[in-house]
Amino acid sequence: MRLTKIQELGSSLQKLLSTLKKNREMVSLEILKSHYRQPYYALIQQINRAASAFVKEVLTDRLILNPDISIEEQAAVINQVIADSGMERQMSSCISRTYNVDQLYQMALELRQKIECALWPYIDLKTCLVFDLDNPDVEPVTYNTLTRQICRDGIWENQKLDLQWKFLFYPNTRIYPGDESVKEEKEKNGYEDSYKTKNNCTPVRPGNGGCLPHTAAPLLGN
């Protein structure tokens, strides 16, 4: 079975952390920082790069963004969430203390949920009421064309709808200066079905996030 990129990055990071743990157990920190200074700090730098890449992949893998809103605006929201969360310091402490990628992964998932919630106002712009033109008496369905989910009793559920011969009304459409018309979307973007978070914020989108989020300070100190 082929490993996902997250699994590959996590496996590589765990090997580096295991090496660091072994070195610290066998040699005093003072000697590591003096006699073995160059290889020791080279290992620390490797771990920082690997940990940053791993966390970034967890945060951005299949993350949904609204294609009608600038990447810069949504990236700013993501980076603000990361800065406000204070979780970078917690992650640094986690891997320094436990050398455990699984715990780091859980913390990254927690941060991802915060990001998804912060992005939801942008995703919600693509929530619409779907009217069946062939059955005008049928109640419209609340549907999000980005997540391909319908809302039942306040809960978002994965369900791809056939939008042919349907009328889509977007009550949350953002109106820009000079734009007097509200655009009805008749075509869907090519997004895959995805999961919903525990708090029903926003699910995920494949193949994006190349420049997101900005990775700040190194996760691991010395």
Protein backbone atom coordinates (compact mmCIF):
# COMPACT_ATOMS: atom_id res chain seq x y z
CA MET A 1 0.00 0.00 0.00
CA ARG A 2 1.43 3.34 -1.05
CA LEU A 3 2.17 5.76 1.77
CA THR A 4 0.66 9.23 1.69
CA LYS A 5 2.96 12.23 1.74
CA ILE A 6 2.01 12.88 5.37
CA GLN A 7 2.97 9.31 6.28
CA GLU A 8 6.26 9.57 4.40
CA LEU A 9 7.16 12.86 6.07
CA GLY A 10 6.12 11.53 9.46
CA SER A 11 8.22 8.39 9.05
CA SER A 12 11.30 10.40 8.06
CA LEU A 13 10.80 12.77 10.99
CA GLN A 14 10.38 9.90 13.45
CA LYS A 15 13.71 8.39 12.34
CA LEU A 16 15.47 11.70 12.92
CA LEU A 17 13.85 12.13 16.32
CA SER A 18 14.83 8.59 17.31
CA THR A 19 18.44 9.37 16.37
CA LEU A 20 18.35 12.56 18.44
CA LYS A 21 16.87 10.72 21.42
CA LYS A 22 19.53 8.00 21.21
CA ASN A 23 22.34 10.57 20.99
CA ARG A 24 21.04 12.45 24.02
CA GLU A 25 20.70 9.25 26.02
CA MET A 26 24.21 8.04 25.22
CA VAL A 27 26.12 11.33 25.34
CA SER A 28 25.72 14.26 27.67
CA LEU A 29 24.20 17.41 26.22
CA GLU A 30 27.32 19.38 27.12
CA ILE A 31 29.55 17.07 25.04
CA LEU A 32 27.04 17.02 22.19
CA LYS A 33 27.12 20.80 22.04
CA SER A 34 30.91 21.00 22.20
CA HIS A 35 32.77 17.95 20.91
CA TYR A 36 30.00 16.89 18.49
CA ARG A 37 28.73 20.41 17.88
CA GLN A 38 28.67 20.33 14.06
CA PRO A 39 26.85 16.99 13.54
CA TYR A 40 24.57 17.67 16.51
CA TYR A 41 23.32 20.99 15.23
CA ALA A 42 23.14 19.63 11.69
CA LEU A 43 20.73 17.00 13.04
CA ILE A 44 18.72 19.69 14.82
CA GLN A 45 18.41 21.61 11.56
CA GLN A 46 17.29 18.46 9.74
CA ILE A 47 14.63 17.88 12.36
CA ASN A 48 13.42 21.47 12.12
CA ARG A 49 13.04 21.22 8.36
CA ALA A 50 11.36 17.82 8.54
CA ALA A 51 9.00 18.88 11.34
CA SER A 52 8.02 22.08 9.54
CA ALA A 53 7.35 20.16 6.31
CA PHE A 54 5.31 17.54 8.19
CA VAL A 55 3.15 20.08 10.04
CA LYS A 56 2.64 22.17 6.92
CA GLU A 57 1.47 19.11 5.00
CA VAL A 58 -1.01 18.21 7.75
CA LEU A 59 -2.35 21.76 7.78
CA THR A 60 -2.70 22.19 4.02
CA ASP A 61 -3.30 18.73 2.56
CA ARG A 62 -6.64 18.86 0.68
CA LEU A 63 -7.52 22.10 2.45
CA ILE A 64 -10.46 23.88 0.83
CA LEU A 65 -10.00 27.46 -0.33
CA ASN A 66 -12.53 29.61 -2.12
CA PRO A 67 -11.21 30.13 -5.67
CA ASP A 68 -13.17 33.38 -6.00
CA ILE A 69 -11.30 34.98 -3.07
CA SER A 70 -7.64 35.89 -3.34
CA ILE A 71 -5.10 33.39 -2.03
CA GLU A 72 -3.38 36.25 -0.22
CA GLU A 73 -6.49 37.09 1.80
CA GLN A 74 -7.11 33.50 2.84
CA ALA A 75 -3.41 32.90 3.53
CA ALA A 76 -3.42 35.90 5.85
CA VAL A 77 -6.29 34.33 7.80
CA ILE A 78 -4.43 31.02 8.08
CA ASN A 79 -1.22 32.64 9.25
CA GLN A 80 -3.09 34.75 11.80
CA VAL A 81 -4.72 31.63 13.24
CA ILE A 82 -1.31 29.98 13.55
CA ALA A 83 0.18 33.05 15.23
CA ASP A 84 -2.74 33.46 17.63
CA SER A 85 -2.89 29.78 18.57
CA GLY A 86 0.51 29.69 20.25
CA MET A 87 0.75 26.08 19.16
CA GLU A 88 4.15 26.37 17.51
CA ARG A 89 5.75 26.63 20.93
CA GLN A 90 3.66 23.70 22.17
CA MET A 91 4.72 21.60 19.19
CA SER A 92 8.35 22.44 19.81
CA SER A 93 8.02 21.38 23.43
CA CYS A 94 6.21 18.21 22.37
CA ILE A 95 8.89 16.86 20.06
CA SER A 96 11.71 17.99 22.35
CA ARG A 97 10.15 16.17 25.29
CA THR A 98 8.52 13.10 23.72
CA TYR A 99 10.30 12.59 20.36
CA ASN A 100 6.88 11.37 19.24
CA VAL A 101 5.52 12.19 15.79
CA ASP A 102 2.05 10.84 16.63
CA GLN A 103 1.58 13.46 19.34
CA LEU A 104 2.82 16.16 16.99
CA TYR A 105 0.31 14.94 14.42
CA GLN A 106 -2.59 15.25 16.86
CA MET A 107 -1.54 18.80 17.72
CA ALA A 108 -1.30 19.67 14.03
CA LEU A 109 -4.82 18.29 13.49
CA GLU A 110 -6.08 20.47 16.32
CA LEU A 111 -4.50 23.51 14.68
CA ARG A 112 -5.96 22.49 11.33
CA GLN A 113 -9.46 22.48 12.81
CA LYS A 114 -8.90 26.05 13.99
CA ILE A 115 -7.83 26.99 10.46
CA GLU A 116 -10.85 25.27 8.91
CA CYS A 117 -13.19 27.19 11.21
CA ALA A 118 -11.48 30.48 10.35
CA LEU A 119 -11.83 29.75 6.63
CA TRP A 120 -15.47 28.74 6.87
CA PRO A 121 -16.84 32.25 6.11
CA TYR A 122 -15.09 32.03 2.73
CA ILE A 123 -16.33 28.50 2.08
CA ASP A 124 -19.83 29.46 3.20
CA LEU A 125 -20.00 31.93 0.32
CA LYS A 126 -20.49 28.83 -1.84
CA THR A 127 -23.42 27.56 0.23
CA CYS A 128 -26.54 27.73 -1.87
CA LEU A 129 -30.16 26.69 -2.04
CA VAL A 130 -30.72 24.17 -4.82
CA PHE A 131 -34.15 24.35 -6.42
CA ASP A 132 -35.37 21.53 -8.64
CA LEU A 133 -36.95 23.21 -11.66
CA ASP A 134 -38.79 20.01 -12.57
CA ASN A 135 -40.32 19.81 -9.08
CA PRO A 136 -41.01 23.37 -7.95
CA ASP A 137 -43.05 22.23 -4.94
CA VAL A 138 -40.08 20.34 -3.43
CA GLU A 139 -38.19 22.16 -0.66
CA PRO A 140 -34.77 23.43 -1.80
CA VAL A 141 -31.67 21.63 -0.58
CA THR A 142 -28.91 23.50 1.25
CA TYR A 143 -25.70 22.58 -0.57
CA ASN A 144 -22.09 23.73 -0.68
CA THR A 145 -20.56 23.49 -4.13
CA LEU A 146 -16.98 23.50 -2.81
CA THR A 147 -17.33 20.77 -0.23
CA ARG A 148 -20.04 18.89 -2.12
CA GLN A 149 -22.00 18.49 1.06
CA ILE A 150 -25.65 18.98 1.94
CA CYS A 151 -26.90 20.31 5.25
CA ARG A 152 -29.47 18.23 7.11
CA ASP A 153 -30.69 19.40 10.51
CA GLY A 154 -27.63 21.59 10.91
CA ILE A 155 -25.18 18.80 10.09
CA TRP A 156 -23.10 18.78 6.90
CA GLU A 157 -23.02 15.41 5.15
CA ASN A 158 -21.09 14.25 2.09
CA GLN A 159 -23.47 13.96 -0.84
CA LYS A 160 -22.71 14.94 -4.40
CA LEU A 161 -25.73 16.43 -6.14
CA ASP A 162 -26.58 16.43 -9.82
CA LEU A 163 -27.01 20.15 -10.51
CA GLN A 164 -28.27 19.78 -14.07
CA TRP A 165 -31.52 21.67 -14.56
CA LYS A 166 -31.27 23.05 -11.05
CA PHE A 167 -31.49 26.67 -9.95
CA LEU A 168 -28.79 27.67 -7.45
CA PHE A 169 -29.38 30.65 -5.19
CA TYR A 170 -26.43 31.94 -3.15
CA PRO A 171 -27.71 33.93 -0.15
CA ASN A 172 -24.21 34.62 1.18
CA THR A 173 -22.63 35.90 -2.03
CA ARG A 174 -20.04 38.60 -1.40
CA ILE A 175 -20.92 41.77 -3.29
CA TYR A 176 -17.97 43.76 -4.61
CA PRO A 177 -18.01 47.50 -5.37
CA GLY A 178 -19.41 48.05 -8.86
CA ASP A 179 -20.84 44.51 -9.04
CA GLU A 180 -24.59 44.95 -9.10
CA SER A 181 -25.48 41.43 -10.15
CA VAL A 182 -25.51 38.33 -8.01
CA LYS A 183 -23.94 35.52 -9.96
CA GLU A 184 -25.73 32.16 -10.02
CA GLU A 185 -23.20 29.34 -10.36
CA LYS A 186 -24.34 26.65 -12.80
CA GLU A 187 -21.03 24.78 -12.88
CA LYS A 188 -19.18 23.03 -10.09
CA ASN A 189 -15.46 23.15 -9.47
CA GLY A 190 -13.58 19.86 -9.59
CA TYR A 191 -13.38 19.09 -5.89
CA GLU A 192 -13.35 15.63 -4.39
CA ASP A 193 -15.64 14.47 -1.61
CA SER A 194 -14.10 14.98 1.78
CA TYR A 195 -14.52 14.61 5.49
CA LYS A 196 -16.10 16.99 7.93
CA THR A 197 -14.51 18.04 11.19
CA LYS A 198 -15.99 17.37 14.61
CA ASN A 199 -17.34 20.90 14.80
CA ASN A 200 -18.66 20.85 11.22
CA CYS A 201 -16.49 23.68 10.02
CA THR A 202 -14.97 23.23 6.59
CA PRO A 203 -13.82 19.99 4.96
CA VAL A 204 -10.84 19.66 2.65
CA ARG A 205 -9.73 20.29 -0.91
CA PRO A 206 -7.15 18.31 -2.89
CA GLY A 207 -3.94 19.60 -4.38
CA ASN A 208 -3.49 23.11 -3.07
CA GLY A 209 -1.81 25.01 -0.28
CA GLY A 210 1.60 25.10 -1.91
CA CYS A 211 2.35 28.48 -0.37
CA LEU A 212 0.33 27.94 2.81
CA PRO A 213 0.82 28.43 5.62
CA HIS A 214 3.89 30.49 6.38
CA THR A 215 6.11 28.36 8.60
CA ALA A 216 7.49 30.51 11.36
CA ALA A 217 10.21 29.74 13.90
CA PRO A 218 11.97 26.34 14.01
CA LEU A 219 10.01 23.81 15.99
CA LEU A 220 12.99 22.39 17.85
CA GLY A 221 15.46 24.36 19.89
CA ASN A 222 18.65 22.84 21.15
